[in-house]
N, C-alpha and C. Protein backbone atom coordinates (compact mmCIF):
# COMPACT_ATOMS: atom_id res chain seq x y z
N UNK A 1 174.34 -22.23 -51.83
CA UNK A 1 174.07 -23.66 -51.88
C UNK A 1 175.24 -24.50 -51.36
N UNK A 2 176.32 -23.90 -50.99
CA UNK A 2 177.44 -24.68 -50.48
C UNK A 2 177.82 -24.28 -49.05
N UNK A 3 177.02 -23.44 -48.44
CA UNK A 3 177.29 -23.02 -47.07
C UNK A 3 177.05 -24.19 -46.11
N UNK A 4 177.92 -24.38 -45.12
CA UNK A 4 177.72 -25.48 -44.17
C UNK A 4 176.59 -25.17 -43.20
N UNK A 5 176.09 -26.22 -42.55
CA UNK A 5 175.12 -26.06 -41.49
C UNK A 5 173.69 -26.39 -41.83
N UNK A 6 173.40 -26.76 -43.07
CA UNK A 6 172.04 -27.10 -43.44
C UNK A 6 171.70 -28.51 -42.97
N UNK A 7 170.40 -28.82 -42.93
CA UNK A 7 169.96 -30.16 -42.61
C UNK A 7 168.73 -30.49 -43.45
N UNK A 8 168.23 -31.72 -43.30
CA UNK A 8 167.02 -32.13 -43.97
C UNK A 8 167.07 -31.96 -45.49
N UNK A 9 165.96 -31.47 -46.03
CA UNK A 9 165.86 -31.30 -47.48
C UNK A 9 166.84 -30.26 -47.98
N UNK A 10 167.11 -29.23 -47.19
CA UNK A 10 168.07 -28.20 -47.61
C UNK A 10 169.44 -28.83 -47.83
N UNK A 11 169.82 -29.75 -46.96
CA UNK A 11 171.10 -30.45 -47.09
C UNK A 11 171.11 -31.35 -48.32
N UNK A 12 170.05 -32.12 -48.51
CA UNK A 12 170.03 -33.01 -49.69
C UNK A 12 170.01 -32.20 -50.98
N UNK A 13 169.40 -31.02 -50.96
CA UNK A 13 169.36 -30.19 -52.15
C UNK A 13 170.72 -29.57 -52.45
N UNK A 14 171.58 -29.46 -51.45
CA UNK A 14 172.95 -29.02 -51.72
C UNK A 14 173.67 -30.05 -52.58
N UNK A 15 173.51 -31.32 -52.25
CA UNK A 15 174.14 -32.39 -53.06
C UNK A 15 173.53 -32.38 -54.46
N UNK A 16 172.23 -32.24 -54.53
CA UNK A 16 171.53 -32.20 -55.82
C UNK A 16 172.04 -31.03 -56.66
N UNK A 17 172.24 -29.87 -56.06
CA UNK A 17 172.77 -28.69 -56.72
C UNK A 17 174.14 -28.99 -57.35
N UNK A 18 175.02 -29.60 -56.59
CA UNK A 18 176.34 -29.93 -57.11
C UNK A 18 176.25 -30.93 -58.26
N UNK A 19 175.36 -31.92 -58.14
CA UNK A 19 175.18 -32.90 -59.21
C UNK A 19 174.63 -32.25 -60.48
N UNK A 20 173.66 -31.38 -60.32
CA UNK A 20 173.09 -30.68 -61.48
C UNK A 20 174.14 -29.81 -62.15
N UNK A 21 174.90 -29.07 -61.35
CA UNK A 21 175.96 -28.23 -61.89
C UNK A 21 176.96 -29.02 -62.71
N UNK A 22 177.33 -30.18 -62.21
CA UNK A 22 178.27 -31.03 -62.95
C UNK A 22 177.65 -31.55 -64.24
N UNK A 23 176.41 -32.03 -64.18
CA UNK A 23 175.73 -32.59 -65.35
C UNK A 23 175.50 -31.55 -66.45
N UNK A 24 175.31 -30.29 -66.07
CA UNK A 24 175.05 -29.25 -67.05
C UNK A 24 176.32 -28.51 -67.47
N UNK A 25 177.48 -29.05 -67.14
CA UNK A 25 178.73 -28.49 -67.60
C UNK A 25 179.15 -27.20 -66.91
N UNK A 26 178.78 -27.02 -65.68
CA UNK A 26 179.08 -25.79 -64.94
C UNK A 26 180.27 -25.94 -63.99
N UNK A 27 181.05 -26.99 -64.15
CA UNK A 27 182.14 -27.24 -63.19
C UNK A 27 183.14 -26.09 -63.13
N UNK A 28 183.47 -25.52 -64.28
CA UNK A 28 184.45 -24.43 -64.29
C UNK A 28 183.92 -23.23 -63.49
N UNK A 29 182.68 -22.87 -63.71
CA UNK A 29 182.07 -21.76 -62.98
C UNK A 29 181.95 -22.08 -61.49
N UNK A 30 181.56 -23.31 -61.18
CA UNK A 30 181.44 -23.71 -59.78
C UNK A 30 182.79 -23.71 -59.09
N UNK A 31 183.81 -24.15 -59.81
CA UNK A 31 185.16 -24.15 -59.25
C UNK A 31 185.63 -22.72 -58.97
N UNK A 32 185.34 -21.83 -59.89
CA UNK A 32 185.70 -20.43 -59.72
C UNK A 32 185.02 -19.85 -58.47
N UNK A 33 183.73 -20.12 -58.31
CA UNK A 33 182.99 -19.64 -57.14
C UNK A 33 183.55 -20.24 -55.84
N UNK A 34 183.92 -21.50 -55.92
CA UNK A 34 184.49 -22.17 -54.76
C UNK A 34 185.78 -21.48 -54.33
N UNK A 35 186.62 -21.17 -55.29
CA UNK A 35 187.89 -20.50 -54.99
C UNK A 35 187.66 -19.09 -54.45
N UNK A 36 186.74 -18.36 -55.05
CA UNK A 36 186.43 -17.00 -54.59
C UNK A 36 185.93 -16.99 -53.15
N UNK A 37 185.19 -18.02 -52.78
CA UNK A 37 184.61 -18.11 -51.44
C UNK A 37 185.46 -18.92 -50.48
N UNK A 38 186.66 -19.30 -50.93
CA UNK A 38 187.60 -20.06 -50.09
C UNK A 38 186.95 -21.30 -49.47
N UNK A 39 186.31 -22.08 -50.32
CA UNK A 39 185.64 -23.29 -49.86
C UNK A 39 186.44 -24.52 -50.27
N UNK A 40 186.14 -25.65 -49.65
CA UNK A 40 186.82 -26.90 -50.02
C UNK A 40 186.47 -27.30 -51.46
N UNK A 41 187.17 -28.29 -51.96
CA UNK A 41 186.89 -28.77 -53.31
C UNK A 41 185.45 -29.26 -53.40
N UNK A 42 184.93 -29.35 -54.62
CA UNK A 42 183.56 -29.80 -54.82
C UNK A 42 183.37 -31.23 -54.33
N UNK A 43 184.38 -32.07 -54.53
CA UNK A 43 184.26 -33.45 -54.03
C UNK A 43 184.27 -33.48 -52.50
N UNK A 44 185.03 -32.59 -51.88
CA UNK A 44 185.05 -32.51 -50.41
C UNK A 44 183.71 -31.98 -49.89
N UNK A 45 183.13 -31.01 -50.60
CA UNK A 45 181.81 -30.51 -50.22
C UNK A 45 180.78 -31.64 -50.28
N UNK A 46 180.78 -32.39 -51.39
CA UNK A 46 179.84 -33.52 -51.53
C UNK A 46 180.06 -34.54 -50.43
N UNK A 47 181.32 -34.84 -50.12
CA UNK A 47 181.63 -35.82 -49.07
C UNK A 47 181.12 -35.33 -47.72
N UNK A 48 181.29 -34.06 -47.42
CA UNK A 48 180.82 -33.50 -46.16
C UNK A 48 179.30 -33.55 -46.09
N UNK A 49 178.65 -33.17 -47.18
CA UNK A 49 177.18 -33.19 -47.21
C UNK A 49 176.66 -34.61 -47.03
N UNK A 50 177.27 -35.57 -47.74
CA UNK A 50 176.81 -36.96 -47.62
C UNK A 50 177.11 -37.54 -46.25
N UNK A 51 178.22 -37.15 -45.64
CA UNK A 51 178.51 -37.59 -44.28
C UNK A 51 177.41 -37.10 -43.33
N UNK A 52 177.02 -35.83 -43.49
CA UNK A 52 175.95 -35.29 -42.64
C UNK A 52 174.62 -35.98 -42.93
N UNK A 53 174.38 -36.34 -44.19
CA UNK A 53 173.13 -37.02 -44.52
C UNK A 53 173.09 -38.44 -43.98
N UNK A 54 174.23 -39.13 -43.93
CA UNK A 54 174.22 -40.49 -43.38
C UNK A 54 173.91 -40.41 -41.87
N UNK A 55 174.38 -39.37 -41.22
CA UNK A 55 174.05 -39.20 -39.80
C UNK A 55 172.55 -38.97 -39.63
N UNK A 56 171.96 -38.13 -40.49
CA UNK A 56 170.51 -37.90 -40.43
C UNK A 56 169.74 -39.17 -40.74
N UNK A 57 170.18 -39.91 -41.77
CA UNK A 57 169.50 -41.16 -42.15
C UNK A 57 169.56 -42.16 -40.99
N UNK A 58 170.68 -42.21 -40.31
CA UNK A 58 170.81 -43.10 -39.16
C UNK A 58 169.84 -42.72 -38.05
N UNK A 59 169.65 -41.43 -37.83
CA UNK A 59 168.68 -40.98 -36.83
C UNK A 59 167.25 -41.31 -37.24
N UNK A 60 166.96 -41.19 -38.53
CA UNK A 60 165.63 -41.56 -39.02
C UNK A 60 165.40 -43.05 -38.75
N UNK A 61 166.42 -43.86 -39.04
CA UNK A 61 166.33 -45.31 -38.78
C UNK A 61 166.12 -45.58 -37.28
N UNK A 62 166.94 -44.95 -36.44
CA UNK A 62 166.85 -45.17 -35.00
C UNK A 62 165.51 -44.73 -34.42
N UNK A 63 164.86 -43.79 -35.07
CA UNK A 63 163.54 -43.33 -34.63
C UNK A 63 162.40 -44.10 -35.28
N UNK A 64 162.73 -45.23 -35.93
CA UNK A 64 161.70 -46.10 -36.48
C UNK A 64 161.11 -45.64 -37.80
N UNK A 65 161.86 -44.88 -38.57
CA UNK A 65 161.40 -44.39 -39.87
C UNK A 65 160.06 -43.68 -39.79
N UNK A 66 159.95 -42.56 -39.07
CA UNK A 66 158.67 -41.85 -39.01
C UNK A 66 158.17 -41.52 -40.41
N UNK A 67 156.87 -41.63 -40.62
CA UNK A 67 156.31 -41.44 -41.96
C UNK A 67 156.71 -40.11 -42.58
N UNK A 68 156.75 -39.05 -41.80
CA UNK A 68 157.11 -37.74 -42.31
C UNK A 68 158.56 -37.60 -42.70
N UNK A 69 159.38 -38.60 -42.41
CA UNK A 69 160.82 -38.54 -42.73
C UNK A 69 161.23 -39.60 -43.77
N UNK A 70 160.32 -40.48 -44.15
CA UNK A 70 160.65 -41.55 -45.10
C UNK A 70 161.06 -41.00 -46.46
N UNK A 71 160.35 -39.98 -46.92
CA UNK A 71 160.66 -39.35 -48.20
C UNK A 71 162.09 -38.79 -48.20
N UNK A 72 162.43 -38.08 -47.14
CA UNK A 72 163.78 -37.53 -47.00
C UNK A 72 164.81 -38.66 -46.95
N UNK A 73 164.53 -39.69 -46.20
CA UNK A 73 165.44 -40.83 -46.08
C UNK A 73 165.76 -41.43 -47.46
N UNK A 74 164.73 -41.62 -48.27
CA UNK A 74 164.94 -42.19 -49.61
C UNK A 74 165.66 -41.21 -50.52
N UNK A 75 165.39 -39.92 -50.37
CA UNK A 75 166.08 -38.90 -51.16
C UNK A 75 167.57 -38.90 -50.84
N UNK A 76 167.90 -39.03 -49.58
CA UNK A 76 169.30 -39.06 -49.17
C UNK A 76 170.02 -40.27 -49.77
N UNK A 77 169.39 -41.43 -49.72
CA UNK A 77 169.99 -42.64 -50.28
C UNK A 77 170.15 -42.52 -51.79
N UNK A 78 169.18 -41.91 -52.46
CA UNK A 78 169.26 -41.74 -53.91
C UNK A 78 170.40 -40.81 -54.29
N UNK A 79 170.47 -39.65 -53.66
CA UNK A 79 171.47 -38.65 -54.05
C UNK A 79 172.89 -39.06 -53.69
N UNK A 80 173.10 -39.50 -52.46
CA UNK A 80 174.46 -39.90 -52.08
C UNK A 80 174.82 -41.26 -52.67
N UNK A 81 173.82 -42.11 -52.90
CA UNK A 81 174.07 -43.38 -53.58
C UNK A 81 174.61 -43.17 -54.97
N UNK A 82 174.12 -42.15 -55.67
CA UNK A 82 174.63 -41.84 -57.02
C UNK A 82 176.11 -41.48 -56.98
N UNK A 83 176.53 -40.93 -55.86
CA UNK A 83 177.94 -40.54 -55.72
C UNK A 83 178.81 -41.68 -55.18
N UNK A 84 178.19 -42.84 -54.94
CA UNK A 84 178.95 -44.00 -54.52
C UNK A 84 179.08 -44.20 -53.03
N UNK A 85 178.35 -43.46 -52.23
CA UNK A 85 178.43 -43.62 -50.78
C UNK A 85 177.64 -44.86 -50.36
N UNK A 86 178.36 -45.91 -50.03
CA UNK A 86 177.76 -47.22 -49.74
C UNK A 86 177.16 -47.31 -48.35
N UNK A 87 177.43 -46.33 -47.51
CA UNK A 87 176.93 -46.37 -46.14
C UNK A 87 175.40 -46.37 -46.08
N UNK A 88 174.75 -45.96 -47.15
CA UNK A 88 173.29 -45.93 -47.18
C UNK A 88 172.67 -47.29 -47.47
N UNK A 89 173.48 -48.25 -47.84
CA UNK A 89 172.95 -49.52 -48.33
C UNK A 89 173.03 -50.62 -47.29
N UNK A 90 172.13 -50.53 -46.34
CA UNK A 90 171.98 -51.53 -45.29
C UNK A 90 170.77 -52.39 -45.65
N UNK A 91 170.86 -53.69 -45.42
CA UNK A 91 169.75 -54.56 -45.81
C UNK A 91 168.46 -54.22 -45.06
N UNK A 92 168.56 -53.84 -43.79
CA UNK A 92 167.33 -53.49 -43.06
C UNK A 92 166.75 -52.16 -43.55
N UNK A 93 167.59 -51.29 -44.09
CA UNK A 93 167.09 -50.04 -44.67
C UNK A 93 166.36 -50.35 -45.99
N UNK A 94 166.92 -51.28 -46.76
CA UNK A 94 166.26 -51.70 -48.01
C UNK A 94 164.92 -52.33 -47.69
N UNK A 95 164.87 -53.19 -46.69
CA UNK A 95 163.61 -53.83 -46.31
C UNK A 95 162.55 -52.79 -45.93
N UNK A 96 162.97 -51.74 -45.24
CA UNK A 96 162.03 -50.69 -44.86
C UNK A 96 161.48 -49.99 -46.10
N UNK A 97 162.37 -49.61 -47.03
CA UNK A 97 161.94 -48.93 -48.25
C UNK A 97 160.97 -49.81 -49.03
N UNK A 98 161.27 -51.09 -49.14
CA UNK A 98 160.38 -52.01 -49.86
C UNK A 98 159.04 -52.16 -49.14
N UNK A 99 159.05 -52.09 -47.82
CA UNK A 99 157.80 -52.25 -47.06
C UNK A 99 156.86 -51.05 -47.23
N UNK A 100 157.36 -49.92 -47.64
CA UNK A 100 156.53 -48.73 -47.82
C UNK A 100 155.81 -48.73 -49.18
N UNK A 101 156.16 -49.67 -50.03
CA UNK A 101 155.56 -49.77 -51.36
C UNK A 101 154.11 -50.25 -51.25
N UNK A 102 153.21 -49.61 -51.97
CA UNK A 102 151.80 -49.98 -51.97
C UNK A 102 151.57 -50.97 -53.12
N UNK A 103 151.46 -52.24 -52.78
CA UNK A 103 151.30 -53.31 -53.78
C UNK A 103 150.06 -53.10 -54.64
N UNK A 104 148.99 -52.67 -54.02
CA UNK A 104 147.73 -52.50 -54.75
C UNK A 104 147.83 -51.40 -55.81
N UNK A 105 148.40 -50.27 -55.43
CA UNK A 105 148.50 -49.14 -56.36
C UNK A 105 149.77 -49.18 -57.19
N UNK A 106 150.70 -50.04 -56.82
CA UNK A 106 151.99 -50.23 -57.48
C UNK A 106 152.81 -48.94 -57.53
N UNK A 107 152.89 -48.32 -56.37
CA UNK A 107 153.68 -47.10 -56.24
C UNK A 107 153.86 -46.82 -54.75
N UNK A 108 154.41 -45.68 -54.45
CA UNK A 108 154.56 -45.27 -53.06
C UNK A 108 153.46 -44.26 -52.74
N UNK A 109 152.75 -44.55 -51.67
CA UNK A 109 151.65 -43.70 -51.22
C UNK A 109 151.97 -43.23 -49.81
N UNK A 110 151.02 -42.66 -49.17
CA UNK A 110 151.21 -42.22 -47.80
C UNK A 110 150.44 -40.96 -47.55
N UNK A 111 150.62 -40.47 -46.35
CA UNK A 111 149.97 -39.22 -45.99
C UNK A 111 150.65 -38.09 -46.74
N UNK A 112 149.86 -37.21 -47.33
CA UNK A 112 150.42 -36.06 -48.03
C UNK A 112 150.98 -35.09 -47.00
N UNK A 113 152.24 -34.75 -47.16
CA UNK A 113 152.90 -33.81 -46.27
C UNK A 113 152.77 -32.42 -46.90
N UNK A 114 152.20 -31.49 -46.17
CA UNK A 114 152.02 -30.14 -46.68
C UNK A 114 153.19 -29.26 -46.29
N UNK A 115 153.39 -28.18 -47.05
CA UNK A 115 154.52 -27.27 -46.84
C UNK A 115 154.64 -26.80 -45.40
N UNK A 116 153.54 -26.55 -44.76
CA UNK A 116 153.58 -26.01 -43.40
C UNK A 116 154.06 -27.02 -42.37
N UNK A 117 154.14 -28.29 -42.76
CA UNK A 117 154.52 -29.34 -41.80
C UNK A 117 156.01 -29.64 -41.78
N UNK A 118 156.76 -29.22 -42.79
CA UNK A 118 158.18 -29.58 -42.88
C UNK A 118 158.99 -28.32 -43.13
N UNK A 119 159.67 -27.85 -42.09
CA UNK A 119 160.51 -26.67 -42.21
C UNK A 119 161.91 -26.98 -41.69
N UNK A 120 162.90 -26.39 -42.33
CA UNK A 120 164.28 -26.60 -41.92
C UNK A 120 164.97 -25.25 -41.79
N UNK A 121 165.57 -25.04 -40.65
CA UNK A 121 166.25 -23.79 -40.38
C UNK A 121 167.50 -23.68 -41.22
N UNK A 122 167.65 -22.52 -41.83
CA UNK A 122 168.87 -22.24 -42.59
C UNK A 122 169.94 -21.75 -41.63
N UNK A 123 171.21 -21.96 -41.97
CA UNK A 123 172.30 -21.47 -41.11
C UNK A 123 172.49 -19.97 -41.31
N UNK A 124 171.61 -19.19 -40.77
CA UNK A 124 171.65 -17.75 -40.91
C UNK A 124 171.30 -17.11 -39.57
N UNK A 125 171.61 -15.85 -39.44
CA UNK A 125 171.33 -15.18 -38.18
C UNK A 125 169.86 -14.77 -38.06
N UNK A 126 169.10 -14.85 -39.13
CA UNK A 126 167.70 -14.45 -39.09
C UNK A 126 166.84 -15.62 -38.63
N UNK A 127 166.26 -15.56 -37.42
CA UNK A 127 165.49 -16.69 -36.91
C UNK A 127 164.24 -16.99 -37.72
N UNK A 128 163.72 -16.04 -38.49
CA UNK A 128 162.51 -16.28 -39.26
C UNK A 128 162.80 -16.85 -40.66
N UNK A 129 164.06 -17.08 -40.98
CA UNK A 129 164.44 -17.53 -42.32
C UNK A 129 164.44 -19.06 -42.39
N UNK A 130 163.48 -19.60 -43.13
CA UNK A 130 163.33 -21.05 -43.26
C UNK A 130 163.28 -21.45 -44.72
N UNK A 131 163.76 -22.65 -45.01
CA UNK A 131 163.54 -23.29 -46.30
C UNK A 131 162.44 -24.32 -46.05
N UNK A 132 161.47 -24.36 -46.91
CA UNK A 132 160.34 -25.25 -46.71
C UNK A 132 160.30 -26.26 -47.86
N UNK A 133 160.18 -27.53 -47.51
CA UNK A 133 160.04 -28.57 -48.54
C UNK A 133 158.76 -28.32 -49.29
N UNK A 134 158.82 -28.49 -50.59
CA UNK A 134 157.61 -28.28 -51.38
C UNK A 134 156.56 -29.31 -51.02
N UNK A 135 155.35 -28.95 -51.26
CA UNK A 135 154.23 -29.83 -50.96
C UNK A 135 154.23 -31.02 -51.92
N UNK A 136 153.98 -32.20 -51.39
CA UNK A 136 153.84 -33.41 -52.21
C UNK A 136 152.48 -33.38 -52.88
N UNK A 137 152.45 -33.60 -54.16
CA UNK A 137 151.18 -33.61 -54.89
C UNK A 137 150.79 -35.04 -55.23
N UNK A 138 149.68 -35.48 -54.67
CA UNK A 138 149.23 -36.84 -54.99
C UNK A 138 148.69 -36.90 -56.42
N UNK A 139 148.95 -38.02 -57.08
CA UNK A 139 148.41 -38.26 -58.41
C UNK A 139 146.97 -38.75 -58.26
N UNK A 140 146.25 -38.82 -59.37
CA UNK A 140 144.84 -39.19 -59.35
C UNK A 140 144.60 -40.56 -58.70
N UNK A 141 145.55 -41.49 -58.85
CA UNK A 141 145.38 -42.84 -58.30
C UNK A 141 145.85 -42.96 -56.84
N UNK A 142 146.24 -41.86 -56.24
CA UNK A 142 146.68 -41.88 -54.85
C UNK A 142 148.18 -42.03 -54.67
N UNK A 143 148.90 -42.25 -55.77
CA UNK A 143 150.36 -42.34 -55.69
C UNK A 143 150.93 -40.96 -55.39
N UNK A 144 152.04 -40.95 -54.68
CA UNK A 144 152.74 -39.70 -54.41
C UNK A 144 153.93 -39.62 -55.36
N UNK A 145 153.91 -38.59 -56.20
CA UNK A 145 154.90 -38.46 -57.26
C UNK A 145 156.34 -38.37 -56.72
N UNK A 146 156.60 -37.43 -55.83
CA UNK A 146 157.97 -37.24 -55.33
C UNK A 146 158.42 -38.46 -54.53
N UNK A 147 157.57 -38.96 -53.69
CA UNK A 147 157.91 -40.12 -52.86
C UNK A 147 158.24 -41.33 -53.74
N UNK A 148 157.45 -41.57 -54.79
CA UNK A 148 157.71 -42.69 -55.70
C UNK A 148 159.00 -42.48 -56.47
N UNK A 149 159.28 -41.23 -56.84
CA UNK A 149 160.50 -40.92 -57.59
C UNK A 149 161.74 -41.13 -56.74
N UNK A 150 161.75 -40.61 -55.52
CA UNK A 150 162.94 -40.79 -54.69
C UNK A 150 163.11 -42.25 -54.29
N UNK A 151 162.00 -42.97 -54.13
CA UNK A 151 162.09 -44.41 -53.85
C UNK A 151 162.75 -45.12 -55.01
N UNK A 152 162.34 -44.79 -56.24
CA UNK A 152 162.95 -45.41 -57.43
C UNK A 152 164.44 -45.09 -57.48
N UNK A 153 164.81 -43.85 -57.18
CA UNK A 153 166.23 -43.48 -57.17
C UNK A 153 167.02 -44.26 -56.13
N UNK A 154 166.46 -44.40 -54.95
CA UNK A 154 167.14 -45.16 -53.90
C UNK A 154 167.26 -46.63 -54.29
N UNK A 155 166.18 -47.21 -54.82
CA UNK A 155 166.20 -48.64 -55.18
C UNK A 155 167.16 -48.93 -56.33
N UNK A 156 167.25 -48.02 -57.28
CA UNK A 156 168.21 -48.18 -58.38
C UNK A 156 169.63 -48.25 -57.82
N UNK A 157 169.90 -47.41 -56.84
CA UNK A 157 171.24 -47.42 -56.25
C UNK A 157 171.49 -48.67 -55.42
N UNK A 158 170.46 -49.21 -54.78
CA UNK A 158 170.60 -50.49 -54.09
C UNK A 158 170.94 -51.59 -55.08
N UNK A 159 170.24 -51.63 -56.21
CA UNK A 159 170.52 -52.64 -57.24
C UNK A 159 171.96 -52.49 -57.74
N UNK A 160 172.36 -51.25 -58.01
CA UNK A 160 173.74 -51.00 -58.46
C UNK A 160 174.75 -51.51 -57.43
N UNK A 161 174.51 -51.20 -56.16
CA UNK A 161 175.41 -51.64 -55.10
C UNK A 161 175.48 -53.16 -55.03
N UNK A 162 174.32 -53.82 -55.10
CA UNK A 162 174.28 -55.29 -55.04
C UNK A 162 175.03 -55.90 -56.22
N UNK A 163 174.81 -55.36 -57.42
CA UNK A 163 175.49 -55.88 -58.61
C UNK A 163 177.00 -55.67 -58.53
N UNK A 164 177.42 -54.51 -58.06
CA UNK A 164 178.85 -54.26 -57.92
C UNK A 164 179.46 -55.18 -56.86
N UNK A 165 178.75 -55.39 -55.76
CA UNK A 165 179.24 -56.27 -54.70
C UNK A 165 179.36 -57.70 -55.24
N UNK A 166 178.35 -58.14 -55.99
CA UNK A 166 178.39 -59.49 -56.59
C UNK A 166 179.55 -59.63 -57.56
N UNK A 167 179.79 -58.58 -58.36
CA UNK A 167 180.89 -58.63 -59.32
C UNK A 167 182.24 -58.76 -58.61
N UNK A 168 182.42 -58.01 -57.54
CA UNK A 168 183.66 -58.09 -56.77
C UNK A 168 183.79 -59.46 -56.12
N UNK A 169 182.69 -59.97 -55.57
CA UNK A 169 182.71 -61.28 -54.91
C UNK A 169 183.04 -62.40 -55.92
N UNK A 170 182.58 -62.27 -57.15
CA UNK A 170 182.85 -63.31 -58.14
C UNK A 170 184.29 -63.31 -58.61
N UNK A 171 185.00 -62.21 -58.42
CA UNK A 171 186.41 -62.13 -58.81
C UNK A 171 187.31 -62.80 -57.80
N UNK A 172 186.82 -63.02 -56.60
CA UNK A 172 187.66 -63.60 -55.53
C UNK A 172 187.81 -65.08 -55.66
């Protein structure tokens, strides 16, 4: 989970892995593994992963936020936003996330992306080795559970960023 070269959901799940490990009190074990494998510090790994994710998010933006990449885009903002990476908090990116909200259903909807449609190559020598994003399961009302969850995570981080920016501005 800390090997370089991943992209897409595999990359965002690396950040998620590090966050889960920290939250569940596994830092000592993770640090030991890091040293055994001669890897950078955990904070350096997170920084590298988030740097790579901001590049991917920027490409998603430049390509007009394709529907099949919106979920990933919001996941990236949620995960790296929790770590304080402010590069994800652009006003036009926030406007895009808000525009994807379904006012009628009061959640995030969209085309259901199936497992066979989203594959990401792992950094391995085996060309047939892929990590596949799990299938999005629509709820009975048409809401997409994962999409709505990552949107909420991204929006919470936008609110946090705005409040922190306001607090700093009020001190000046």
